[in-house]
């Protein structure tokens, strides 16, 4: 029986955070003072969760963090996930979201282990600006090398995610458009959401989708292209066919009605929405000796409580109980 919520949305995508540690301290994410808060679980525990969920209709698994490539054993974990099958008997669509700092040396081993795709978080294409955002010196060149290594390894398509903040990096829109064309990657701009540790989000910090499109059109005309219903990004190509851009606009153009995702945090909690006010302790069920059938029943009950939508910018909005780095992207 497919895993669906009470609003009829099929749940097919799983995000598993394998650590909330990170070697970057991006200003829109971390205060720079707090490190990891929640412990990492042994990989066999994450693997059991994924196996149970794949038997319930999950077909896409994305490994996230924190920075997932910091975990020793992540390549073997990818190899184990690649052995799982969805309910149609097909291999999973496996991806990793990473800051790219360690990707250059790991891209080929990850591909060999069965990884399909990679998404790299990168918020400037200027080395000095990049250093100010990440609070890491010389990281830009590591990330660029990682992107190119991923391309050589065949981890395709490569998506590069940029969180835009007004007054800080919206001047990177055109440089990123040029980067997409020059490097052969899909650049995706993400509207800034209230998920950062310092809680500085305000509506006027958001650079909305319509403004992003207008700015890129000043450089070179975009043409919108079809996307799958459950995709978070609106997709565009340049009129001459060279380069692709995406825009993820949860603030100005919410896509909650098409949401197909659940998340597992590094300490084994299910989150049904990025902005959930509570967690559901899947690992706690495992510690108490639950069978796979009991875990499935627990998951179905949790999914029935999945929120209809977020309330960003509305008077009744309540911030998520965890910030982004402690949820997993």
C-alpha atoms as a PDB file:
ATOM      1  CA  UNK A   1       0.000   0.000   0.000  1.00  0.00           C
ATOM      2  CA  UNK A   2       1.588   3.331  -1.050  1.00  0.00           C
ATOM      3  CA  UNK A   3       2.583   5.766   1.679  1.00  0.00           C
ATOM      4  CA  UNK A   4       0.224   8.742   1.460  1.00  0.00           C
ATOM      5  CA  UNK A   5      -0.831  11.484   3.846  1.00  0.00           C
ATOM      6  CA  UNK A   6      -4.374  12.585   4.710  1.00  0.00           C
ATOM      7  CA  UNK A   7      -4.254  15.166   1.911  1.00  0.00           C
ATOM      8  CA  UNK A   8      -3.632  12.467  -0.704  1.00  0.00           C
ATOM      9  CA  UNK A   9       0.031  13.331  -1.301  1.00  0.00           C
ATOM     10  CA  UNK A  10       2.217  10.324  -2.124  1.00  0.00           C
ATOM     11  CA  UNK A  11       5.401  10.228  -0.048  1.00  0.00           C
ATOM     12  CA  UNK A  12       8.191   9.046  -2.326  1.00  0.00           C
ATOM     13  CA  UNK A  13      11.243  11.113  -1.282  1.00  0.00           C
ATOM     14  CA  UNK A  14      13.349  10.608   1.845  1.00  0.00           C
ATOM     15  CA  UNK A  15      16.039  12.897   3.218  1.00  0.00           C
ATOM     16  CA  UNK A  16      18.379  11.262   5.747  1.00  0.00           C
ATOM     17  CA  UNK A  17      20.722  13.510   7.707  1.00  0.00           C
ATOM     18  CA  UNK A  18      23.736  11.510   8.849  1.00  0.00           C
ATOM     19  CA  UNK A  19      25.306  14.287  10.933  1.00  0.00           C
ATOM     20  CA  UNK A  20      24.601  17.824  12.080  1.00  0.00           C
ATOM     21  CA  UNK A  21      28.320  18.590  12.137  1.00  0.00           C
ATOM     22  CA  UNK A  22      29.649  20.941   9.470  1.00  0.00           C
ATOM     23  CA  UNK A  23      33.052  22.344   8.589  1.00  0.00           C
ATOM     24  CA  UNK A  24      31.480  25.584   7.300  1.00  0.00           C
ATOM     25  CA  UNK A  25      29.707  28.284   9.316  1.00  0.00           C
ATOM     26  CA  UNK A  26      27.555  29.953   6.691  1.00  0.00           C
ATOM     27  CA  UNK A  27      26.050  33.150   7.995  1.00  0.00           C
ATOM     28  CA  UNK A  28      22.491  32.330   6.886  1.00  0.00           C
ATOM     29  CA  UNK A  29      22.669  28.958   8.674  1.00  0.00           C
ATOM     30  CA  UNK A  30      24.917  28.935  11.739  1.00  0.00           C
ATOM     31  CA  UNK A  31      25.823  31.447  14.407  1.00  0.00           C
ATOM     32  CA  UNK A  32      29.417  30.312  14.194  1.00  0.00           C
ATOM     33  CA  UNK A  33      29.356  29.488  17.904  1.00  0.00           C
ATOM     34  CA  UNK A  34      27.262  26.341  18.217  1.00  0.00           C
ATOM     35  CA  UNK A  35      28.493  23.038  16.868  1.00  0.00           C
ATOM     36  CA  UNK A  36      26.678  19.739  16.627  1.00  0.00           C
ATOM     37  CA  UNK A  37      23.788  19.352  19.060  1.00  0.00           C
ATOM     38  CA  UNK A  38      22.455  15.913  18.202  1.00  0.00           C
ATOM     39  CA  UNK A  39      24.416  12.686  17.998  1.00  0.00           C
ATOM     40  CA  UNK A  40      25.010  10.634  14.866  1.00  0.00           C
ATOM     41  CA  UNK A  41      23.605   7.123  14.692  1.00  0.00           C
ATOM     42  CA  UNK A  42      25.510   4.079  13.437  1.00  0.00           C
ATOM     43  CA  UNK A  43      24.980   3.595   9.712  1.00  0.00           C
ATOM     44  CA  UNK A  44      23.127   0.245  10.118  1.00  0.00           C
ATOM     45  CA  UNK A  45      20.377   2.126  11.978  1.00  0.00           C
ATOM     46  CA  UNK A  46      19.892   4.596   9.111  1.00  0.00           C
ATOM     47  CA  UNK A  47      20.012   1.697   6.668  1.00  0.00           C
ATOM     48  CA  UNK A  48      17.224  -0.152   8.474  1.00  0.00           C
ATOM     49  CA  UNK A  49      15.070   2.985   8.434  1.00  0.00           C
ATOM     50  CA  UNK A  50      15.674   3.410   4.711  1.00  0.00           C
ATOM     51  CA  UNK A  51      14.940  -0.257   4.013  1.00  0.00           C
ATOM     52  CA  UNK A  52      11.607  -0.113   5.827  1.00  0.00           C
ATOM     53  CA  UNK A  53      10.643   3.095   4.035  1.00  0.00           C
ATOM     54  CA  UNK A  54      11.631   1.724   0.630  1.00  0.00           C
ATOM     55  CA  UNK A  55       9.181  -1.090   1.264  1.00  0.00           C
ATOM     56  CA  UNK A  56       6.511   1.579   1.756  1.00  0.00           C
ATOM     57  CA  UNK A  57       7.009   3.437  -1.527  1.00  0.00           C
ATOM     58  CA  UNK A  58      10.133   5.570  -1.101  1.00  0.00           C
ATOM     59  CA  UNK A  59      12.043   5.678  -4.400  1.00  0.00           C
ATOM     60  CA  UNK A  60      14.403   8.639  -3.891  1.00  0.00           C
ATOM     61  CA  UNK A  61      16.893   8.958  -1.032  1.00  0.00           C
ATOM     62  CA  UNK A  62      19.051  12.005  -0.448  1.00  0.00           C
ATOM     63  CA  UNK A  63      21.879  11.949   2.114  1.00  0.00           C
ATOM     64  CA  UNK A  64      22.226  15.268   3.902  1.00  0.00           C
ATOM     65  CA  UNK A  65      23.644  16.957   6.978  1.00  0.00           C
ATOM     66  CA  UNK A  66      25.317  19.087   8.373  1.00  0.00           C
ATOM     67  CA  UNK A  67      28.053  18.101   5.996  1.00  0.00           C
ATOM     68  CA  UNK A  68      27.549  14.395   5.212  1.00  0.00           C
ATOM     69  CA  UNK A  69      30.982  13.838   3.665  1.00  0.00           C
ATOM     70  CA  UNK A  70      32.532  14.408   7.100  1.00  0.00           C
ATOM     71  CA  UNK A  71      31.194  11.019   8.220  1.00  0.00           C
ATOM     72  CA  UNK A  72      33.673   8.187   7.974  1.00  0.00           C
ATOM     73  CA  UNK A  73      32.003   5.299   6.228  1.00  0.00           C
ATOM     74  CA  UNK A  74      29.690   7.399   4.053  1.00  0.00           C
ATOM     75  CA  UNK A  75      30.892   5.685   0.864  1.00  0.00           C
ATOM     76  CA  UNK A  76      30.066   2.247   2.280  1.00  0.00           C
ATOM     77  CA  UNK A  77      26.685   3.612   3.370  1.00  0.00           C
ATOM     78  CA  UNK A  78      25.987   4.735  -0.200  1.00  0.00           C
ATOM     79  CA  UNK A  79      26.991   1.274  -1.412  1.00  0.00           C
ATOM     80  CA  UNK A  80      24.516  -0.332   1.014  1.00  0.00           C
ATOM     81  CA  UNK A  81      21.711   2.029  -0.029  1.00  0.00           C
ATOM     82  CA  UNK A  82      22.435   1.242  -3.681  1.00  0.00           C
ATOM     83  CA  UNK A  83      21.564  -2.396  -2.975  1.00  0.00           C
ATOM     84  CA  UNK A  84      18.027  -1.486  -1.861  1.00  0.00           C
ATOM     85  CA  UNK A  85      15.081  -1.553  -4.256  1.00  0.00           C
ATOM     86  CA  UNK A  86      11.797   0.307  -4.352  1.00  0.00           C
ATOM     87  CA  UNK A  87       8.431  -1.446  -4.424  1.00  0.00           C
ATOM     88  CA  UNK A  88       8.711  -1.851  -8.218  1.00  0.00           C
ATOM     89  CA  UNK A  89      12.022  -3.659  -7.805  1.00  0.00           C
ATOM     90  CA  UNK A  90      14.016  -0.736  -9.209  1.00  0.00           C
ATOM     91  CA  UNK A  91      17.221   0.791  -7.782  1.00  0.00           C
ATOM     92  CA  UNK A  92      16.801   3.935  -5.734  1.00  0.00           C
ATOM     93  CA  UNK A  93      17.569   7.401  -7.034  1.00  0.00           C
ATOM     94  CA  UNK A  94      20.471   8.238  -4.709  1.00  0.00           C
ATOM     95  CA  UNK A  95      21.842  11.746  -4.180  1.00  0.00           C
ATOM     96  CA  UNK A  96      23.970  13.691  -1.720  1.00  0.00           C
ATOM     97  CA  UNK A  97      23.732  17.333  -0.718  1.00  0.00           C
ATOM     98  CA  UNK A  98      27.158  18.668   0.263  1.00  0.00           C
ATOM     99  CA  UNK A  99      29.051  21.921   0.665  1.00  0.00           C
ATOM    100  CA  UNK A 100      31.547  20.432  -1.779  1.00  0.00           C
ATOM    101  CA  UNK A 101      34.651  21.061   0.309  1.00  0.00           C
ATOM    102  CA  UNK A 102      35.637  17.370   0.392  1.00  0.00           C
ATOM    103  CA  UNK A 103      34.014  16.370  -2.883  1.00  0.00           C
ATOM    104  CA  UNK A 104      37.054  16.476  -5.181  1.00  0.00           C
ATOM    105  CA  UNK A 105      38.619  13.386  -3.655  1.00  0.00           C
ATOM    106  CA  UNK A 106      35.323  11.582  -2.968  1.00  0.00           C
ATOM    107  CA  UNK A 107      33.347  12.122  -6.183  1.00  0.00           C
ATOM    108  CA  UNK A 108      34.615   9.071  -8.060  1.00  0.00           C
ATOM    109  CA  UNK A 109      34.409   6.689  -5.066  1.00  0.00           C
ATOM    110  CA  UNK A 110      30.833   7.875  -4.426  1.00  0.00           C
ATOM    111  CA  UNK A 111      29.916   7.267  -8.061  1.00  0.00           C
ATOM    112  CA  UNK A 112      31.535   3.834  -7.955  1.00  0.00           C
ATOM    113  CA  UNK A 113      29.520   3.036  -4.807  1.00  0.00           C
ATOM    114  CA  UNK A 114      26.253   3.754  -6.614  1.00  0.00           C
ATOM    115  CA  UNK A 115      25.536   7.452  -6.092  1.00  0.00           C
ATOM    116  CA  UNK A 116      23.564   8.985  -8.965  1.00  0.00           C
ATOM    117  CA  UNK A 117      23.651  12.725  -8.361  1.00  0.00           C
ATOM    118  CA  UNK A 118      25.110  15.454  -6.207  1.00  0.00           C
ATOM    119  CA  UNK A 119      23.895  18.888  -5.119  1.00  0.00           C
ATOM    120  CA  UNK A 120      26.490  21.407  -3.987  1.00  0.00           C
ATOM    121  CA  UNK A 121      25.625  24.340  -1.723  1.00  0.00           C
ATOM    122  CA  UNK A 122      27.524  27.403  -2.949  1.00  0.00           C
ATOM    123  CA  UNK A 123      26.416  30.960  -2.253  1.00  0.00           C
ATOM    124  CA  UNK A 124      28.891  33.068  -4.250  1.00  0.00           C
ATOM    125  CA  UNK A 125      31.125  32.679  -7.273  1.00  0.00           C
ATOM    126  CA  UNK A 126      33.587  35.251  -5.975  1.00  0.00           C
ATOM    127  CA  UNK A 127      36.274  33.789  -3.653  1.00  0.00           C
ATOM    128  CA  UNK A 128      36.277  36.724  -1.222  1.00  0.00           C
ATOM    129  CA  UNK A 129      32.503  36.856  -0.977  1.00  0.00           C
ATOM    130  CA  UNK A 130      32.419  33.073  -0.591  1.00  0.00           C
ATOM    131  CA  UNK A 131      34.849  33.307   2.344  1.00  0.00           C
ATOM    132  CA  UNK A 132      32.741  35.958   4.066  1.00  0.00           C
ATOM    133  CA  UNK A 133      29.585  33.840   3.731  1.00  0.00           C
ATOM    134  CA  UNK A 134      31.133  30.538   4.850  1.00  0.00           C
ATOM    135  CA  UNK A 135      33.662  32.026   7.293  1.00  0.00           C
ATOM    136  CA  UNK A 136      36.202  29.609   5.769  1.00  0.00           C
ATOM    137  CA  UNK A 137      39.310  30.807   3.959  1.00  0.00           C
ATOM    138  CA  UNK A 138      40.190  29.236   0.581  1.00  0.00           C
ATOM    139  CA  UNK A 139      37.049  27.113   0.498  1.00  0.00           C
ATOM    140  CA  UNK A 140      35.917  28.440  -2.881  1.00  0.00           C
ATOM    141  CA  UNK A 141      38.667  26.678  -4.812  1.00  0.00           C
ATOM    142  CA  UNK A 142      37.977  23.386  -3.002  1.00  0.00           C
ATOM    143  CA  UNK A 143      34.300  23.582  -3.945  1.00  0.00           C
ATOM    144  CA  UNK A 144      35.032  24.460  -7.560  1.00  0.00           C
ATOM    145  CA  UNK A 145      37.402  21.482  -7.770  1.00  0.00           C
ATOM    146  CA  UNK A 146      34.692  19.298  -6.227  1.00  0.00           C
ATOM    147  CA  UNK A 147      32.105  20.379  -8.798  1.00  0.00           C
ATOM    148  CA  UNK A 148      34.474  19.623 -11.639  1.00  0.00           C
ATOM    149  CA  UNK A 149      35.429  16.249 -10.139  1.00  0.00           C
ATOM    150  CA  UNK A 150      31.748  15.338  -9.811  1.00  0.00           C
ATOM    151  CA  UNK A 151      31.200  16.228 -13.452  1.00  0.00           C
ATOM    152  CA  UNK A 152      34.163  14.072 -14.498  1.00  0.00           C
ATOM    153  CA  UNK A 153      32.864  11.181 -12.396  1.00  0.00           C
ATOM    154  CA  UNK A 154      29.459  11.296 -14.104  1.00  0.00           C
ATOM    155  CA  UNK A 155      27.437  12.432 -11.075  1.00  0.00           C
ATOM    156  CA  UNK A 156      24.889  14.088 -13.286  1.00  0.00           C
ATOM    157  CA  UNK A 157      23.130  16.464 -13.342  1.00  0.00           C
ATOM    158  CA  UNK A 158      25.138  18.555 -10.902  1.00  0.00           C
ATOM    159  CA  UNK A 159      22.956  21.054  -9.082  1.00  0.00           C
ATOM    160  CA  UNK A 160      24.484  24.097  -7.397  1.00  0.00           C
ATOM    161  CA  UNK A 161      22.236  25.659  -4.762  1.00  0.00           C
ATOM    162  CA  UNK A 162      22.569  29.320  -3.796  1.00  0.00           C
ATOM    163  CA  UNK A 163      20.565  30.840  -0.926  1.00  0.00           C
ATOM    164  CA  UNK A 164      19.921  34.484  -1.765  1.00  0.00           C
ATOM    165  CA  UNK A 165      19.764  37.168   0.947  1.00  0.00           C
ATOM    166  CA  UNK A 166      18.894  40.725   0.062  1.00  0.00           C
ATOM    167  CA  UNK A 167      21.701  43.130   0.798  1.00  0.00           C
ATOM    168  CA  UNK A 168      24.238  40.349   0.968  1.00  0.00           C
ATOM    169  CA  UNK A 169      24.581  38.247  -2.162  1.00  0.00           C
ATOM    170  CA  UNK A 170      21.797  39.129  -4.613  1.00  0.00           C
ATOM    171  CA  UNK A 171      24.477  40.732  -6.781  1.00  0.00           C
ATOM    172  CA  UNK A 172      25.624  37.157  -7.499  1.00  0.00           C
ATOM    173  CA  UNK A 173      22.552  36.375  -9.632  1.00  0.00           C
ATOM    174  CA  UNK A 174      24.108  37.273 -12.983  1.00  0.00           C
ATOM    175  CA  UNK A 175      27.537  35.811 -12.123  1.00  0.00           C
ATOM    176  CA  UNK A 176      25.793  32.541 -11.234  1.00  0.00           C
ATOM    177  CA  UNK A 177      23.881  32.602 -14.533  1.00  0.00           C
ATOM    178  CA  UNK A 178      27.223  32.884 -16.294  1.00  0.00           C
ATOM    179  CA  UNK A 179      28.632  30.113 -14.072  1.00  0.00           C
ATOM    180  CA  UNK A 180      25.789  27.758 -15.070  1.00  0.00           C
ATOM    181  CA  UNK A 181      26.592  28.260 -18.740  1.00  0.00           C
ATOM    182  CA  UNK A 182      30.366  28.027 -18.351  1.00  0.00           C
ATOM    183  CA  UNK A 183      30.514  25.026 -15.994  1.00  0.00           C
ATOM    184  CA  UNK A 184      27.597  23.046 -17.407  1.00  0.00           C
ATOM    185  CA  UNK A 185      25.777  22.809 -14.073  1.00  0.00           C
ATOM    186  CA  UNK A 186      22.202  23.562 -13.004  1.00  0.00           C
ATOM    187  CA  UNK A 187      22.248  26.593 -10.717  1.00  0.00           C
ATOM    188  CA  UNK A 188      19.262  26.850  -8.391  1.00  0.00           C
ATOM    189  CA  UNK A 189      18.465  29.930  -6.358  1.00  0.00           C
ATOM    190  CA  UNK A 190      16.655  29.356  -3.064  1.00  0.00           C
ATOM    191  CA  UNK A 191      14.562  31.983  -1.336  1.00  0.00           C
ATOM    192  CA  UNK A 192      15.879  32.625   2.174  1.00  0.00           C
ATOM    193  CA  UNK A 193      13.731  30.816   4.755  1.00  0.00           C
ATOM    194  CA  UNK A 194      13.471  31.301   8.544  1.00  0.00           C
ATOM    195  CA  UNK A 195      15.619  28.300   9.453  1.00  0.00           C
ATOM    196  CA  UNK A 196      18.874  29.941  10.569  1.00  0.00           C
ATOM    197  CA  UNK A 197      20.301  29.739  14.108  1.00  0.00           C
ATOM    198  CA  UNK A 198      20.354  33.495  14.672  1.00  0.00           C
ATOM    199  CA  UNK A 199      16.691  33.918  13.712  1.00  0.00           C
ATOM    200  CA  UNK A 200      17.383  37.070  11.692  1.00  0.00           C
ATOM    201  CA  UNK A 201      14.905  36.233   8.924  1.00  0.00           C
ATOM    202  CA  UNK A 202      12.455  38.940   7.884  1.00  0.00           C
ATOM    203  CA  UNK A 203      10.281  39.251   4.754  1.00  0.00           C
ATOM    204  CA  UNK A 204      12.464  42.000   3.318  1.00  0.00           C
ATOM    205  CA  UNK A 205      15.518  39.696   3.335  1.00  0.00           C
ATOM    206  CA  UNK A 206      13.871  37.475   0.699  1.00  0.00           C
ATOM    207  CA  UNK A 207      14.746  37.909  -2.973  1.00  0.00           C
ATOM    208  CA  UNK A 208      11.585  36.494  -4.600  1.00  0.00           C
ATOM    209  CA  UNK A 209      11.276  34.347  -7.702  1.00  0.00           C
ATOM    210  CA  UNK A 210       9.795  37.034  -9.941  1.00  0.00           C
ATOM    211  CA  UNK A 211      12.665  39.412  -9.182  1.00  0.00           C
ATOM    212  CA  UNK A 212      15.269  36.708  -9.821  1.00  0.00           C
ATOM    213  CA  UNK A 213      13.755  35.864 -13.204  1.00  0.00           C
ATOM    214  CA  UNK A 214      13.585  39.537 -14.157  1.00  0.00           C
ATOM    215  CA  UNK A 215      17.235  40.090 -13.285  1.00  0.00           C
ATOM    216  CA  UNK A 216      18.429  37.065 -15.255  1.00  0.00           C
ATOM    217  CA  UNK A 217      16.346  38.139 -18.239  1.00  0.00           C
ATOM    218  CA  UNK A 218      18.324  41.380 -18.276  1.00  0.00           C
ATOM    219  CA  UNK A 219      21.422  39.270 -18.924  1.00  0.00           C
ATOM    220  CA  UNK A 220      19.933  36.634 -21.232  1.00  0.00           C
ATOM    221  CA  UNK A 221      16.340  35.579 -21.785  1.00  0.00           C
ATOM    222  CA  UNK A 222      15.012  32.567 -19.883  1.00  0.00           C
ATOM    223  CA  UNK A 223      12.403  30.103 -21.104  1.00  0.00           C
ATOM    224  CA  UNK A 224      10.485  28.057 -18.523  1.00  0.00           C
ATOM    225  CA  UNK A 225      10.645  24.306 -19.073  1.00  0.00           C
ATOM    226  CA  UNK A 226       8.381  21.540 -17.707  1.00  0.00           C
ATOM    227  CA  UNK A 227       9.130  20.014 -14.328  1.00  0.00           C
ATOM    228  CA  UNK A 228       7.742  17.060 -12.419  1.00  0.00           C
ATOM    229  CA  UNK A 229       4.831  17.847 -10.141  1.00  0.00           C
ATOM    230  CA  UNK A 230       6.762  16.973  -6.978  1.00  0.00           C
ATOM    231  CA  UNK A 231       9.865  18.980  -7.915  1.00  0.00           C
ATOM    232  CA  UNK A 232      10.568  21.905  -5.620  1.00  0.00           C
ATOM    233  CA  UNK A 233      12.246  24.055  -8.292  1.00  0.00           C
ATOM    234  CA  UNK A 234      10.742  25.896 -11.203  1.00  0.00           C
ATOM    235  CA  UNK A 235      13.079  25.180 -14.108  1.00  0.00           C
ATOM    236  CA  UNK A 236      14.330  27.454 -16.869  1.00  0.00           C
ATOM    237  CA  UNK A 237      16.786  27.229 -19.733  1.00  0.00           C
ATOM    238  CA  UNK A 238      18.380  30.051 -21.618  1.00  0.00           C
ATOM    239  CA  UNK A 239      16.812  30.898 -24.950  1.00  0.00           C
ATOM    240  CA  UNK A 240      19.879  29.717 -26.858  1.00  0.00           C
ATOM    241  CA  UNK A 241      19.698  26.329 -25.106  1.00  0.00           C
ATOM    242  CA  UNK A 242      22.978  26.687 -23.196  1.00  0.00           C
ATOM    243  CA  UNK A 243      22.594  26.401 -19.426  1.00  0.00           C
ATOM    244  CA  UNK A 244      19.784  25.665 -16.999  1.00  0.00           C
ATOM    245  CA  UNK A 245      18.576  27.595 -13.956  1.00  0.00           C
ATOM    246  CA  UNK A 246      16.125  26.654 -11.220  1.00  0.00           C
ATOM    247  CA  UNK A 247      14.381  28.684  -8.550  1.00  0.00           C
ATOM    248  CA  UNK A 248      13.065  27.204  -5.302  1.00  0.00           C
ATOM    249  CA  UNK A 249      10.512  29.683  -4.002  1.00  0.00           C
ATOM    250  CA  UNK A 250       8.883  28.388  -0.797  1.00  0.00           C
ATOM    251  CA  UNK A 251       8.158  31.929   0.394  1.00  0.00           C
ATOM    252  CA  UNK A 252       6.712  33.675  -2.679  1.00  0.00           C
ATOM    253  CA  UNK A 253       5.379  30.589  -4.512  1.00  0.00           C
ATOM    254  CA  UNK A 254       4.826  27.775  -1.959  1.00  0.00           C
ATOM    255  CA  UNK A 255       4.662  24.230  -3.300  1.00  0.00           C
ATOM    256  CA  UNK A 256       3.334  22.497  -0.175  1.00  0.00           C
ATOM    257  CA  UNK A 257       0.374  21.004  -2.026  1.00  0.00           C
ATOM    258  CA  UNK A 258       2.771  18.852  -4.061  1.00  0.00           C
ATOM    259  CA  UNK A 259       5.143  17.888  -1.238  1.00  0.00           C
ATOM    260  CA  UNK A 260       6.355  14.279  -1.460  1.00  0.00           C
ATOM    261  CA  UNK A 261       9.037  14.419   1.264  1.00  0.00           C
ATOM    262  CA  UNK A 262       9.761  13.309   4.768  1.00  0.00           C
ATOM    263  CA  UNK A 263      13.025  13.746   6.641  1.00  0.00           C
ATOM    264  CA  UNK A 264      14.997  11.755   9.183  1.00  0.00           C
ATOM    265  CA  UNK A 265      17.314  13.745  11.414  1.00  0.00           C
ATOM    266  CA  UNK A 266      20.779  12.622  12.437  1.00  0.00           C
ATOM    267  CA  UNK A 267      19.406  11.419  15.788  1.00  0.00           C
ATOM    268  CA  UNK A 268      16.669   9.351  14.162  1.00  0.00           C
ATOM    269  CA  UNK A 269      13.602  11.585  14.367  1.00  0.00           C
ATOM    270  CA  UNK A 270      11.047  11.827  11.557  1.00  0.00           C
ATOM    271  CA  UNK A 271      10.122  15.330  10.458  1.00  0.00           C
ATOM    272  CA  UNK A 272       7.155  15.636   8.139  1.00  0.00           C
ATOM    273  CA  UNK A 273       7.937  19.256   7.183  1.00  0.00           C
ATOM    274  CA  UNK A 274      10.933  21.561   7.390  1.00  0.00           C
ATOM    275  CA  UNK A 275       8.804  23.793   9.614  1.00  0.00           C
ATOM    276  CA  UNK A 276       7.401  21.112  11.891  1.00  0.00           C
ATOM    277  CA  UNK A 277       6.959  22.154  15.509  1.00  0.00           C
ATOM    278  CA  UNK A 278       7.727  18.627  16.696  1.00  0.00           C
ATOM    279  CA  UNK A 279       9.674  15.447  15.860  1.00  0.00           C
ATOM    280  CA  UNK A 280       8.594  11.799  15.847  1.00  0.00           C
ATOM    281  CA  UNK A 281      11.092   9.420  17.447  1.00  0.00           C
ATOM    282  CA  UNK A 282      11.627   6.585  14.972  1.00  0.00           C
ATOM    283  CA  UNK A 283      14.929   5.568  16.531  1.00  0.00           C
ATOM    284  CA  UNK A 284      13.245   5.417  19.926  1.00  0.00           C
ATOM    285  CA  UNK A 285      10.872   2.818  18.501  1.00  0.00           C
ATOM    286  CA  UNK A 286      13.852   0.812  17.275  1.00  0.00           C
ATOM    287  CA  UNK A 287      15.558   1.014  20.650  1.00  0.00           C
ATOM    288  CA  UNK A 288      12.420  -0.410  22.246  1.00  0.00           C
ATOM    289  CA  UNK A 289      12.648  -3.443  19.959  1.00  0.00           C
ATOM    290  CA  UNK A 290       9.995  -2.608  17.376  1.00  0.00           C
ATOM    291  CA  UNK A 291       9.727  -5.012  14.467  1.00  0.00           C
ATOM    292  CA  UNK A 292       9.800  -3.795  10.863  1.00  0.00           C
ATOM    293  CA  UNK A 293       6.012  -4.153  10.735  1.00  0.00           C
ATOM    294  CA  UNK A 294       5.681  -2.036  13.876  1.00  0.00           C
ATOM    295  CA  UNK A 295       8.029   0.581  12.423  1.00  0.00           C
ATOM    296  CA  UNK A 296       5.907   0.684   9.268  1.00  0.00           C
ATOM    297  CA  UNK A 297       2.753   1.211  11.322  1.00  0.00           C
ATOM    298  CA  UNK A 298       4.461   3.985  13.297  1.00  0.00           C
ATOM    299  CA  UNK A 299       5.614   5.694  10.081  1.00  0.00           C
ATOM    300  CA  UNK A 300       2.126   5.523   8.543  1.00  0.00           C
ATOM    301  CA  UNK A 301       0.652   7.119  11.650  1.00  0.00           C
ATOM    302  CA  UNK A 302       3.257   9.893  11.570  1.00  0.00           C
ATOM    303  CA  UNK A 303       2.705  10.596   7.876  1.00  0.00           C
ATOM    304  CA  UNK A 304      -1.019  11.001   8.522  1.00  0.00           C
ATOM    305  CA  UNK A 305      -0.063  13.962  10.712  1.00  0.00           C
ATOM    306  CA  UNK A 306       1.952  15.658   7.966  1.00  0.00           C
ATOM    307  CA  UNK A 307       1.207  19.377   7.850  1.00  0.00           C
ATOM    308  CA  UNK A 308      -0.888  20.737   4.993  1.00  0.00           C
ATOM    309  CA  UNK A 309       1.475  23.693   4.500  1.00  0.00           C
ATOM    310  CA  UNK A 310       3.904  26.062   6.190  1.00  0.00           C
ATOM    311  CA  UNK A 311       2.861  29.554   7.331  1.00  0.00           C
ATOM    312  CA  UNK A 312       5.961  31.608   6.500  1.00  0.00           C
ATOM    313  CA  UNK A 313       5.237  35.336   6.663  1.00  0.00           C
ATOM    314  CA  UNK A 314       1.795  34.877   8.189  1.00  0.00           C
ATOM    315  CA  UNK A 315       0.827  36.280  11.624  1.00  0.00           C
ATOM    316  CA  UNK A 316       0.433  32.780  13.093  1.00  0.00           C
ATOM    317  CA  UNK A 317       3.819  31.516  11.850  1.00  0.00           C
ATOM    318  CA  UNK A 318       5.757  29.556  14.461  1.00  0.00           C
ATOM    319  CA  UNK A 319       9.459  28.883  13.742  1.00  0.00           C
ATOM    320  CA  UNK A 320      10.514  25.291  13.276  1.00  0.00           C
ATOM    321  CA  UNK A 321      11.610  23.462  16.403  1.00  0.00           C
ATOM    322  CA  UNK A 322      15.057  22.928  14.833  1.00  0.00           C
ATOM    323  CA  UNK A 323      17.189  25.046  12.563  1.00  0.00           C
ATOM    324  CA  UNK A 324      18.188  23.808   9.114  1.00  0.00           C
ATOM    325  CA  UNK A 325      21.567  22.339   9.964  1.00  0.00           C
ATOM    326  CA  UNK A 326      19.947  20.213  12.697  1.00  0.00           C
ATOM    327  CA  UNK A 327      17.157  19.018  10.393  1.00  0.00           C
ATOM    328  CA  UNK A 328      18.969  18.101   7.203  1.00  0.00           C
ATOM    329  CA  UNK A 329      18.328  19.626   3.789  1.00  0.00           C
END
